[in-house]
């Protein structure tokens, strides 16, 4: 948090992107740092709708549960072996801040998954009621799959 505050004082780009096109906001959402999310969302130049190379926006990252990602959402204490890390949880506090800011709950990543689908598939049980309260569409992914299967059937 101190680093972001200092960078902000020196007019550093808080929307800077990694090789995977992740911004600091994407990362702190994944790490469940609602305090830093609040700080970043208060910055007038923040791009809170940005999606990374897989189209995952900060909301997608905030709701990843303990089964998210290749090996789950690992939280590794500094200096310890990766195998000793514990599985992190979703962060409905960060998700709520993003939704209150106006981020669309039904935005899809490149696979057609919305935040609700990611929450369900990664066992983000604390975030599912919040997403439903913001009118998450349970059919979006299935409609996408249905359209995709129709396209495939036309090509074969």
N, C-alpha and C. Protein backbone atom coordinates (compact mmCIF):
# COMPACT_ATOMS: atom_id res chain seq x y z
N UNK A 1 0.83 -1.18 0.00
CA UNK A 1 0.00 0.00 0.00
C UNK A 1 0.88 1.25 0.00
N UNK A 2 1.95 1.24 0.80
CA UNK A 2 2.84 2.40 0.85
C UNK A 2 3.47 2.66 -0.51
N UNK A 3 3.85 1.59 -1.21
CA UNK A 3 4.46 1.74 -2.53
C UNK A 3 3.49 2.39 -3.50
N UNK A 4 2.24 1.93 -3.51
CA UNK A 4 1.25 2.53 -4.40
C UNK A 4 1.00 3.99 -4.06
N UNK A 5 0.96 4.29 -2.79
CA UNK A 5 0.74 5.67 -2.36
C UNK A 5 1.88 6.57 -2.84
N UNK A 6 3.13 6.09 -2.69
CA UNK A 6 4.29 6.86 -3.14
C UNK A 6 4.28 7.04 -4.65
N UNK A 7 3.97 5.95 -5.38
CA UNK A 7 3.92 6.04 -6.84
C UNK A 7 2.85 7.03 -7.28
N UNK A 8 1.74 7.01 -6.59
CA UNK A 8 0.66 7.92 -6.94
C UNK A 8 1.08 9.37 -6.71
N UNK A 9 1.84 9.63 -5.65
CA UNK A 9 2.32 10.98 -5.37
C UNK A 9 3.27 11.48 -6.45
N UNK A 10 3.98 10.55 -7.09
CA UNK A 10 4.94 10.91 -8.13
C UNK A 10 4.35 10.76 -9.53
N UNK A 11 3.04 10.73 -9.61
CA UNK A 11 2.32 10.63 -10.89
C UNK A 11 2.69 9.40 -11.71
N UNK A 12 3.02 8.31 -11.06
CA UNK A 12 3.29 7.06 -11.77
C UNK A 12 1.98 6.52 -12.33
N UNK A 13 2.09 5.75 -13.39
CA UNK A 13 0.90 5.18 -14.04
C UNK A 13 0.36 4.01 -13.20
N UNK A 14 -0.77 4.22 -12.55
CA UNK A 14 -1.34 3.15 -11.72
C UNK A 14 -2.07 2.10 -12.55
N UNK A 15 -2.14 2.33 -13.86
CA UNK A 15 -2.74 1.35 -14.77
C UNK A 15 -1.66 0.60 -15.56
N UNK A 16 -0.43 0.65 -15.10
CA UNK A 16 0.67 -0.01 -15.79
C UNK A 16 0.37 -1.50 -15.89
N UNK A 17 0.81 -2.14 -16.98
CA UNK A 17 0.45 -3.53 -17.24
C UNK A 17 1.68 -4.45 -17.27
N UNK A 18 1.49 -5.68 -16.80
CA UNK A 18 2.53 -6.70 -16.86
C UNK A 18 2.50 -7.35 -18.24
N UNK A 19 3.37 -8.34 -18.44
CA UNK A 19 3.38 -9.07 -19.72
C UNK A 19 2.05 -9.77 -19.97
N UNK A 20 1.36 -10.15 -18.90
CA UNK A 20 0.06 -10.80 -19.03
C UNK A 20 -1.08 -9.78 -19.03
N UNK A 21 -0.71 -8.50 -19.17
CA UNK A 21 -1.66 -7.38 -19.23
C UNK A 21 -2.44 -7.19 -17.93
N UNK A 22 -1.84 -7.58 -16.82
CA UNK A 22 -2.49 -7.37 -15.52
C UNK A 22 -2.06 -6.03 -14.95
N UNK A 23 -3.01 -5.33 -14.37
CA UNK A 23 -2.74 -4.05 -13.73
C UNK A 23 -2.60 -4.26 -12.22
N UNK A 24 -2.11 -3.27 -11.49
CA UNK A 24 -2.08 -3.40 -10.03
C UNK A 24 -3.47 -3.71 -9.46
N UNK A 25 -4.52 -3.12 -10.03
CA UNK A 25 -5.87 -3.38 -9.52
C UNK A 25 -6.25 -4.85 -9.73
N UNK A 26 -5.93 -5.40 -10.91
CA UNK A 26 -6.21 -6.82 -11.15
C UNK A 26 -5.52 -7.68 -10.08
N UNK A 27 -4.27 -7.34 -9.81
CA UNK A 27 -3.47 -8.16 -8.89
C UNK A 27 -3.97 -8.06 -7.45
N UNK A 28 -4.25 -6.83 -6.97
CA UNK A 28 -4.68 -6.71 -5.57
C UNK A 28 -6.07 -7.31 -5.38
N UNK A 29 -6.88 -7.32 -6.44
CA UNK A 29 -8.18 -8.00 -6.34
C UNK A 29 -7.97 -9.50 -6.15
N UNK A 30 -7.05 -10.08 -6.92
CA UNK A 30 -6.75 -11.50 -6.78
C UNK A 30 -6.21 -11.81 -5.40
N UNK A 31 -5.40 -10.90 -4.86
CA UNK A 31 -4.81 -11.12 -3.54
C UNK A 31 -5.78 -10.83 -2.40
N UNK A 32 -6.96 -10.30 -2.73
CA UNK A 32 -7.97 -10.06 -1.71
C UNK A 32 -7.70 -8.86 -0.83
N UNK A 33 -7.01 -7.87 -1.34
CA UNK A 33 -6.66 -6.67 -0.57
C UNK A 33 -7.70 -5.58 -0.80
N UNK A 34 -8.84 -5.70 -0.13
CA UNK A 34 -9.94 -4.75 -0.29
C UNK A 34 -9.51 -3.33 0.08
N UNK A 35 -8.60 -3.19 1.03
CA UNK A 35 -8.13 -1.85 1.42
C UNK A 35 -7.40 -1.16 0.28
N UNK A 36 -6.58 -1.92 -0.46
CA UNK A 36 -5.85 -1.35 -1.59
C UNK A 36 -6.81 -1.14 -2.77
N UNK A 37 -7.76 -2.03 -2.93
CA UNK A 37 -8.78 -1.86 -3.98
C UNK A 37 -9.51 -0.54 -3.77
N UNK A 38 -9.90 -0.28 -2.54
CA UNK A 38 -10.61 0.97 -2.21
C UNK A 38 -9.74 2.18 -2.58
N UNK A 39 -8.46 2.13 -2.21
CA UNK A 39 -7.54 3.23 -2.53
C UNK A 39 -7.45 3.43 -4.04
N UNK A 40 -7.25 2.35 -4.78
CA UNK A 40 -7.10 2.46 -6.23
C UNK A 40 -8.38 2.97 -6.90
N UNK A 41 -9.52 2.49 -6.44
CA UNK A 41 -10.79 2.93 -7.03
C UNK A 41 -11.07 4.41 -6.76
N UNK A 42 -10.45 4.96 -5.74
CA UNK A 42 -10.60 6.39 -5.45
C UNK A 42 -9.75 7.27 -6.36
N UNK A 43 -8.84 6.66 -7.12
CA UNK A 43 -7.97 7.44 -8.01
C UNK A 43 -8.73 7.74 -9.30
N UNK A 44 -8.76 9.01 -9.71
CA UNK A 44 -9.56 9.39 -10.88
C UNK A 44 -9.10 8.73 -12.18
N UNK A 45 -7.83 8.36 -12.28
CA UNK A 45 -7.33 7.79 -13.53
C UNK A 45 -7.40 6.26 -13.59
N UNK A 46 -7.96 5.63 -12.57
CA UNK A 46 -7.98 4.16 -12.54
C UNK A 46 -8.88 3.59 -13.63
N UNK A 47 -8.38 2.55 -14.30
CA UNK A 47 -9.17 1.84 -15.30
C UNK A 47 -9.64 0.54 -14.65
N UNK A 48 -10.81 0.58 -14.04
CA UNK A 48 -11.29 -0.58 -13.28
C UNK A 48 -11.98 -1.62 -14.15
N UNK A 49 -12.12 -1.34 -15.44
CA UNK A 49 -12.77 -2.30 -16.34
C UNK A 49 -11.77 -3.13 -17.13
N UNK A 50 -10.49 -2.88 -16.96
CA UNK A 50 -9.45 -3.52 -17.76
C UNK A 50 -9.43 -5.03 -17.57
N UNK A 51 -9.35 -5.77 -18.66
CA UNK A 51 -9.20 -7.22 -18.63
C UNK A 51 -7.79 -7.62 -19.02
N UNK A 52 -7.26 -8.65 -18.40
CA UNK A 52 -5.91 -9.11 -18.71
C UNK A 52 -5.89 -9.90 -20.01
N UNK A 53 -4.82 -10.61 -20.27
CA UNK A 53 -4.66 -11.34 -21.53
C UNK A 53 -5.75 -12.40 -21.74
N UNK A 54 -6.36 -12.85 -20.64
CA UNK A 54 -7.45 -13.82 -20.73
C UNK A 54 -8.81 -13.14 -20.62
N UNK A 55 -8.81 -11.81 -20.62
CA UNK A 55 -10.06 -11.06 -20.53
C UNK A 55 -10.64 -11.00 -19.13
N UNK A 56 -9.86 -11.40 -18.14
CA UNK A 56 -10.35 -11.37 -16.75
C UNK A 56 -10.15 -9.98 -16.17
N UNK A 57 -11.24 -9.39 -15.73
CA UNK A 57 -11.19 -8.06 -15.15
C UNK A 57 -11.00 -8.16 -13.63
N UNK A 58 -10.87 -7.04 -12.93
CA UNK A 58 -10.67 -7.10 -11.48
C UNK A 58 -11.76 -7.88 -10.73
N UNK A 59 -13.01 -7.82 -11.20
CA UNK A 59 -14.08 -8.57 -10.53
C UNK A 59 -13.82 -10.07 -10.64
N UNK A 60 -13.46 -10.54 -11.83
CA UNK A 60 -13.13 -11.96 -11.99
C UNK A 60 -12.05 -12.36 -11.00
N UNK A 61 -11.03 -11.52 -10.86
CA UNK A 61 -9.92 -11.84 -9.97
C UNK A 61 -10.32 -11.80 -8.50
N UNK A 62 -11.20 -10.88 -8.14
CA UNK A 62 -11.62 -10.77 -6.73
C UNK A 62 -12.42 -11.98 -6.27
N UNK A 63 -13.16 -12.60 -7.17
CA UNK A 63 -14.03 -13.70 -6.74
C UNK A 63 -13.41 -15.08 -6.94
N UNK A 64 -12.19 -15.17 -7.46
CA UNK A 64 -11.56 -16.49 -7.56
C UNK A 64 -11.50 -17.11 -6.18
N UNK A 65 -12.02 -18.29 -6.05
CA UNK A 65 -12.03 -18.99 -4.78
C UNK A 65 -10.83 -19.89 -4.62
N UNK A 66 -10.85 -20.75 -3.61
CA UNK A 66 -9.71 -21.60 -3.30
C UNK A 66 -9.39 -22.62 -4.39
N UNK A 67 -10.32 -22.90 -5.28
CA UNK A 67 -10.05 -23.86 -6.35
C UNK A 67 -9.75 -23.17 -7.67
N UNK A 68 -9.55 -21.86 -7.66
CA UNK A 68 -9.30 -21.10 -8.89
C UNK A 68 -7.88 -21.28 -9.40
N UNK A 69 -7.71 -21.14 -10.69
CA UNK A 69 -6.39 -21.22 -11.30
C UNK A 69 -5.91 -22.65 -11.44
N UNK A 70 -4.71 -22.80 -11.97
CA UNK A 70 -4.15 -24.12 -12.23
C UNK A 70 -4.00 -24.94 -10.95
N UNK A 71 -3.43 -24.33 -9.92
CA UNK A 71 -3.19 -25.04 -8.66
C UNK A 71 -3.99 -24.45 -7.51
N UNK A 72 -5.03 -23.75 -7.82
CA UNK A 72 -5.78 -23.07 -6.78
C UNK A 72 -5.17 -21.70 -6.52
N UNK A 73 -5.81 -20.97 -5.69
CA UNK A 73 -5.36 -19.62 -5.36
C UNK A 73 -4.38 -19.73 -4.20
N UNK A 74 -3.11 -19.87 -4.54
CA UNK A 74 -2.07 -20.07 -3.53
C UNK A 74 -1.68 -18.75 -2.88
N UNK A 75 -1.59 -18.77 -1.59
CA UNK A 75 -1.07 -17.64 -0.83
C UNK A 75 0.15 -18.17 -0.09
N UNK A 76 1.31 -17.70 -0.49
CA UNK A 76 2.55 -18.23 0.05
C UNK A 76 3.23 -17.19 0.93
N UNK A 77 3.42 -17.51 2.22
CA UNK A 77 4.15 -16.57 3.08
C UNK A 77 5.56 -16.34 2.54
N UNK A 78 6.03 -15.11 2.63
CA UNK A 78 7.34 -14.75 2.09
C UNK A 78 8.42 -15.65 2.67
N UNK A 79 9.26 -16.19 1.78
CA UNK A 79 10.38 -17.01 2.20
C UNK A 79 10.05 -18.49 2.34
N UNK A 80 8.80 -18.87 2.17
CA UNK A 80 8.44 -20.29 2.30
C UNK A 80 8.30 -20.93 0.93
N UNK A 81 8.47 -22.23 0.90
CA UNK A 81 8.32 -23.00 -0.31
C UNK A 81 6.88 -22.93 -0.81
N UNK A 82 6.71 -22.90 -2.12
CA UNK A 82 5.38 -22.82 -2.73
C UNK A 82 4.46 -23.94 -2.25
N UNK A 83 5.01 -25.11 -2.01
CA UNK A 83 4.18 -26.24 -1.58
C UNK A 83 3.57 -26.03 -0.20
N UNK A 84 4.14 -25.13 0.58
CA UNK A 84 3.64 -24.89 1.93
C UNK A 84 2.56 -23.81 1.97
N UNK A 85 2.28 -23.20 0.83
CA UNK A 85 1.28 -22.14 0.79
C UNK A 85 -0.11 -22.66 1.13
N UNK A 86 -0.94 -21.79 1.62
CA UNK A 86 -2.32 -22.16 1.90
C UNK A 86 -3.20 -21.62 0.79
N UNK A 87 -4.35 -22.18 0.64
CA UNK A 87 -5.25 -21.72 -0.41
C UNK A 87 -6.02 -20.51 0.08
N UNK A 88 -6.00 -19.47 -0.75
CA UNK A 88 -6.70 -18.23 -0.42
C UNK A 88 -8.19 -18.35 -0.67
N UNK A 89 -8.90 -17.32 -0.27
CA UNK A 89 -10.34 -17.29 -0.44
C UNK A 89 -10.70 -16.15 -1.36
N UNK A 90 -11.93 -16.17 -1.81
CA UNK A 90 -12.44 -15.07 -2.60
C UNK A 90 -12.57 -13.84 -1.71
N UNK A 91 -12.74 -12.69 -2.32
CA UNK A 91 -12.82 -11.45 -1.55
C UNK A 91 -14.08 -10.67 -1.93
N UNK A 92 -15.22 -11.03 -1.32
CA UNK A 92 -16.46 -10.34 -1.66
C UNK A 92 -16.41 -8.84 -1.33
N UNK A 93 -15.55 -8.44 -0.39
CA UNK A 93 -15.43 -7.01 -0.07
C UNK A 93 -14.89 -6.25 -1.28
N UNK A 94 -13.85 -6.78 -1.91
CA UNK A 94 -13.30 -6.15 -3.11
C UNK A 94 -14.31 -6.20 -4.25
N UNK A 95 -14.98 -7.34 -4.39
CA UNK A 95 -15.99 -7.47 -5.45
C UNK A 95 -17.10 -6.44 -5.28
N UNK A 96 -17.54 -6.23 -4.06
CA UNK A 96 -18.60 -5.26 -3.82
C UNK A 96 -18.15 -3.84 -4.18
N UNK A 97 -16.92 -3.50 -3.84
CA UNK A 97 -16.40 -2.17 -4.20
C UNK A 97 -16.42 -1.97 -5.71
N UNK A 98 -16.04 -2.99 -6.45
CA UNK A 98 -16.04 -2.91 -7.92
C UNK A 98 -17.45 -2.80 -8.47
N UNK A 99 -18.37 -3.57 -7.91
CA UNK A 99 -19.76 -3.52 -8.36
C UNK A 99 -20.39 -2.18 -8.03
N UNK A 100 -20.09 -1.64 -6.87
CA UNK A 100 -20.61 -0.32 -6.50
C UNK A 100 -20.06 0.77 -7.42
N UNK A 101 -18.84 0.58 -7.91
CA UNK A 101 -18.22 1.53 -8.84
C UNK A 101 -18.90 1.48 -10.20
N UNK A 102 -19.58 0.36 -10.48
CA UNK A 102 -20.32 0.24 -11.74
C UNK A 102 -19.81 -0.83 -12.68
N UNK A 103 -18.88 -1.67 -12.23
CA UNK A 103 -18.39 -2.74 -13.10
C UNK A 103 -19.52 -3.72 -13.38
N UNK A 104 -19.68 -4.09 -14.63
CA UNK A 104 -20.76 -4.98 -15.07
C UNK A 104 -20.53 -6.39 -14.54
N UNK A 105 -21.47 -6.90 -13.77
CA UNK A 105 -21.36 -8.23 -13.16
C UNK A 105 -21.34 -9.34 -14.21
N UNK A 106 -21.84 -9.06 -15.41
CA UNK A 106 -21.95 -10.09 -16.45
C UNK A 106 -20.88 -10.00 -17.53
N UNK A 107 -19.82 -9.22 -17.32
CA UNK A 107 -18.73 -9.19 -18.30
C UNK A 107 -18.11 -10.57 -18.41
N UNK A 108 -17.75 -10.95 -19.63
CA UNK A 108 -17.20 -12.28 -19.88
C UNK A 108 -15.71 -12.21 -20.19
N UNK A 109 -14.98 -13.27 -19.80
CA UNK A 109 -13.58 -13.38 -20.19
C UNK A 109 -13.53 -14.02 -21.58
N UNK A 110 -12.34 -14.33 -22.09
CA UNK A 110 -12.25 -14.84 -23.46
C UNK A 110 -12.87 -16.23 -23.62
N UNK A 111 -13.09 -16.93 -22.52
CA UNK A 111 -13.75 -18.24 -22.57
C UNK A 111 -15.26 -18.13 -22.43
N UNK A 112 -15.77 -16.92 -22.26
CA UNK A 112 -17.21 -16.73 -22.09
C UNK A 112 -17.67 -16.83 -20.64
N UNK A 113 -16.74 -16.96 -19.71
CA UNK A 113 -17.10 -17.08 -18.30
C UNK A 113 -17.34 -15.71 -17.67
N UNK A 114 -18.39 -15.62 -16.88
CA UNK A 114 -18.65 -14.41 -16.11
C UNK A 114 -18.10 -14.62 -14.70
N UNK A 115 -18.19 -13.58 -13.89
CA UNK A 115 -17.74 -13.69 -12.50
C UNK A 115 -18.49 -14.80 -11.77
N UNK A 116 -19.78 -14.95 -12.05
CA UNK A 116 -20.57 -15.98 -11.39
C UNK A 116 -20.07 -17.38 -11.75
N UNK A 117 -19.75 -17.60 -13.00
CA UNK A 117 -19.26 -18.92 -13.41
C UNK A 117 -17.91 -19.21 -12.78
N UNK A 118 -17.06 -18.20 -12.72
CA UNK A 118 -15.75 -18.38 -12.08
C UNK A 118 -15.93 -18.65 -10.59
N UNK A 119 -16.83 -17.92 -9.96
CA UNK A 119 -17.09 -18.12 -8.52
C UNK A 119 -17.58 -19.54 -8.26
N UNK A 120 -18.50 -20.01 -9.06
CA UNK A 120 -19.04 -21.37 -8.87
C UNK A 120 -17.98 -22.44 -9.12
N UNK A 121 -17.21 -22.28 -10.18
CA UNK A 121 -16.22 -23.31 -10.52
C UNK A 121 -15.01 -23.30 -9.60
N UNK A 122 -14.78 -22.20 -8.88
CA UNK A 122 -13.63 -22.14 -7.98
C UNK A 122 -14.03 -22.18 -6.51
N UNK A 123 -15.30 -22.51 -6.27
CA UNK A 123 -15.84 -22.64 -4.91
C UNK A 123 -15.71 -21.34 -4.10
N UNK A 124 -16.01 -20.23 -4.74
CA UNK A 124 -15.99 -18.92 -4.07
C UNK A 124 -17.34 -18.69 -3.41
N UNK A 125 -17.61 -19.48 -2.41
CA UNK A 125 -18.94 -19.51 -1.80
C UNK A 125 -19.36 -18.20 -1.16
N UNK A 126 -18.40 -17.40 -0.70
CA UNK A 126 -18.75 -16.13 -0.07
C UNK A 126 -19.19 -15.07 -1.08
N UNK A 127 -18.76 -15.21 -2.33
CA UNK A 127 -19.06 -14.20 -3.35
C UNK A 127 -20.34 -14.47 -4.13
N UNK A 128 -20.79 -15.71 -4.17
CA UNK A 128 -21.95 -16.05 -5.01
C UNK A 128 -23.19 -15.26 -4.62
N UNK A 129 -23.56 -15.15 -3.34
CA UNK A 129 -24.76 -14.35 -3.00
C UNK A 129 -24.63 -12.89 -3.42
N UNK A 130 -23.44 -12.33 -3.31
CA UNK A 130 -23.22 -10.94 -3.72
C UNK A 130 -23.45 -10.78 -5.22
N UNK A 131 -22.89 -11.69 -6.01
CA UNK A 131 -23.05 -11.62 -7.46
C UNK A 131 -24.52 -11.77 -7.85
N UNK A 132 -25.23 -12.66 -7.18
CA UNK A 132 -26.66 -12.84 -7.46
C UNK A 132 -27.44 -11.58 -7.08
N UNK A 133 -27.05 -10.90 -6.01
CA UNK A 133 -27.72 -9.67 -5.59
C UNK A 133 -27.54 -8.56 -6.63
N UNK A 134 -26.46 -8.63 -7.40
CA UNK A 134 -26.21 -7.65 -8.47
C UNK A 134 -26.69 -8.18 -9.83
N UNK A 135 -27.62 -9.13 -9.79
CA UNK A 135 -28.28 -9.65 -11.00
C UNK A 135 -27.34 -10.37 -11.97
N UNK A 136 -26.46 -11.20 -11.42
CA UNK A 136 -25.61 -12.01 -12.28
C UNK A 136 -26.50 -12.95 -13.09
N UNK A 137 -26.23 -13.03 -14.38
CA UNK A 137 -27.02 -13.84 -15.30
C UNK A 137 -26.48 -15.27 -15.31
N UNK A 138 -27.26 -16.21 -14.81
CA UNK A 138 -26.81 -17.61 -14.75
C UNK A 138 -26.77 -18.26 -16.12
N UNK A 139 -27.43 -17.69 -17.11
CA UNK A 139 -27.52 -18.32 -18.42
C UNK A 139 -26.49 -17.83 -19.42
N UNK A 140 -25.75 -16.79 -19.14
CA UNK A 140 -24.82 -16.21 -20.11
C UNK A 140 -23.88 -17.24 -20.68
N UNK A 141 -23.22 -17.99 -19.84
CA UNK A 141 -22.24 -18.97 -20.29
C UNK A 141 -22.89 -20.06 -21.14
N UNK A 142 -24.05 -20.53 -20.71
CA UNK A 142 -24.74 -21.59 -21.45
C UNK A 142 -25.21 -21.09 -22.81
N UNK A 143 -25.67 -19.85 -22.88
CA UNK A 143 -26.05 -19.28 -24.17
C UNK A 143 -24.85 -19.18 -25.09
N UNK A 144 -23.70 -18.85 -24.54
CA UNK A 144 -22.46 -18.77 -25.31
C UNK A 144 -22.09 -20.15 -25.84
N UNK A 145 -22.16 -21.17 -24.99
CA UNK A 145 -21.86 -22.54 -25.42
C UNK A 145 -22.83 -23.01 -26.48
N UNK A 146 -24.11 -22.68 -26.32
CA UNK A 146 -25.12 -23.08 -27.29
C UNK A 146 -24.83 -22.45 -28.65
N UNK A 147 -24.48 -21.17 -28.67
CA UNK A 147 -24.15 -20.49 -29.93
C UNK A 147 -22.90 -21.10 -30.55
N UNK A 148 -21.91 -21.42 -29.72
CA UNK A 148 -20.67 -22.01 -30.20
C UNK A 148 -20.93 -23.38 -30.83
N UNK A 149 -21.77 -24.19 -30.18
CA UNK A 149 -22.06 -25.52 -30.73
C UNK A 149 -22.82 -25.41 -32.05
N UNK A 150 -23.68 -24.40 -32.19
CA UNK A 150 -24.38 -24.19 -33.46
C UNK A 150 -23.40 -23.81 -34.56
N UNK A 151 -22.43 -22.98 -34.24
CA UNK A 151 -21.42 -22.59 -35.23
C UNK A 151 -20.61 -23.81 -35.64
N UNK A 152 -20.21 -24.63 -34.68
CA UNK A 152 -19.44 -25.84 -34.99
C UNK A 152 -20.24 -26.80 -35.86
N UNK A 153 -21.52 -26.95 -35.57
CA UNK A 153 -22.34 -27.88 -36.37
C UNK A 153 -22.47 -27.39 -37.80
N UNK A 154 -22.46 -26.09 -38.01
CA UNK A 154 -22.53 -25.54 -39.37
C UNK A 154 -21.24 -25.78 -40.14
N UNK A 155 -20.13 -25.83 -39.43
CA UNK A 155 -18.84 -25.99 -40.08
C UNK A 155 -18.49 -27.44 -40.38
N UNK A 156 -19.18 -28.37 -39.73
CA UNK A 156 -18.84 -29.79 -39.93
C UNK A 156 -19.83 -30.48 -40.82
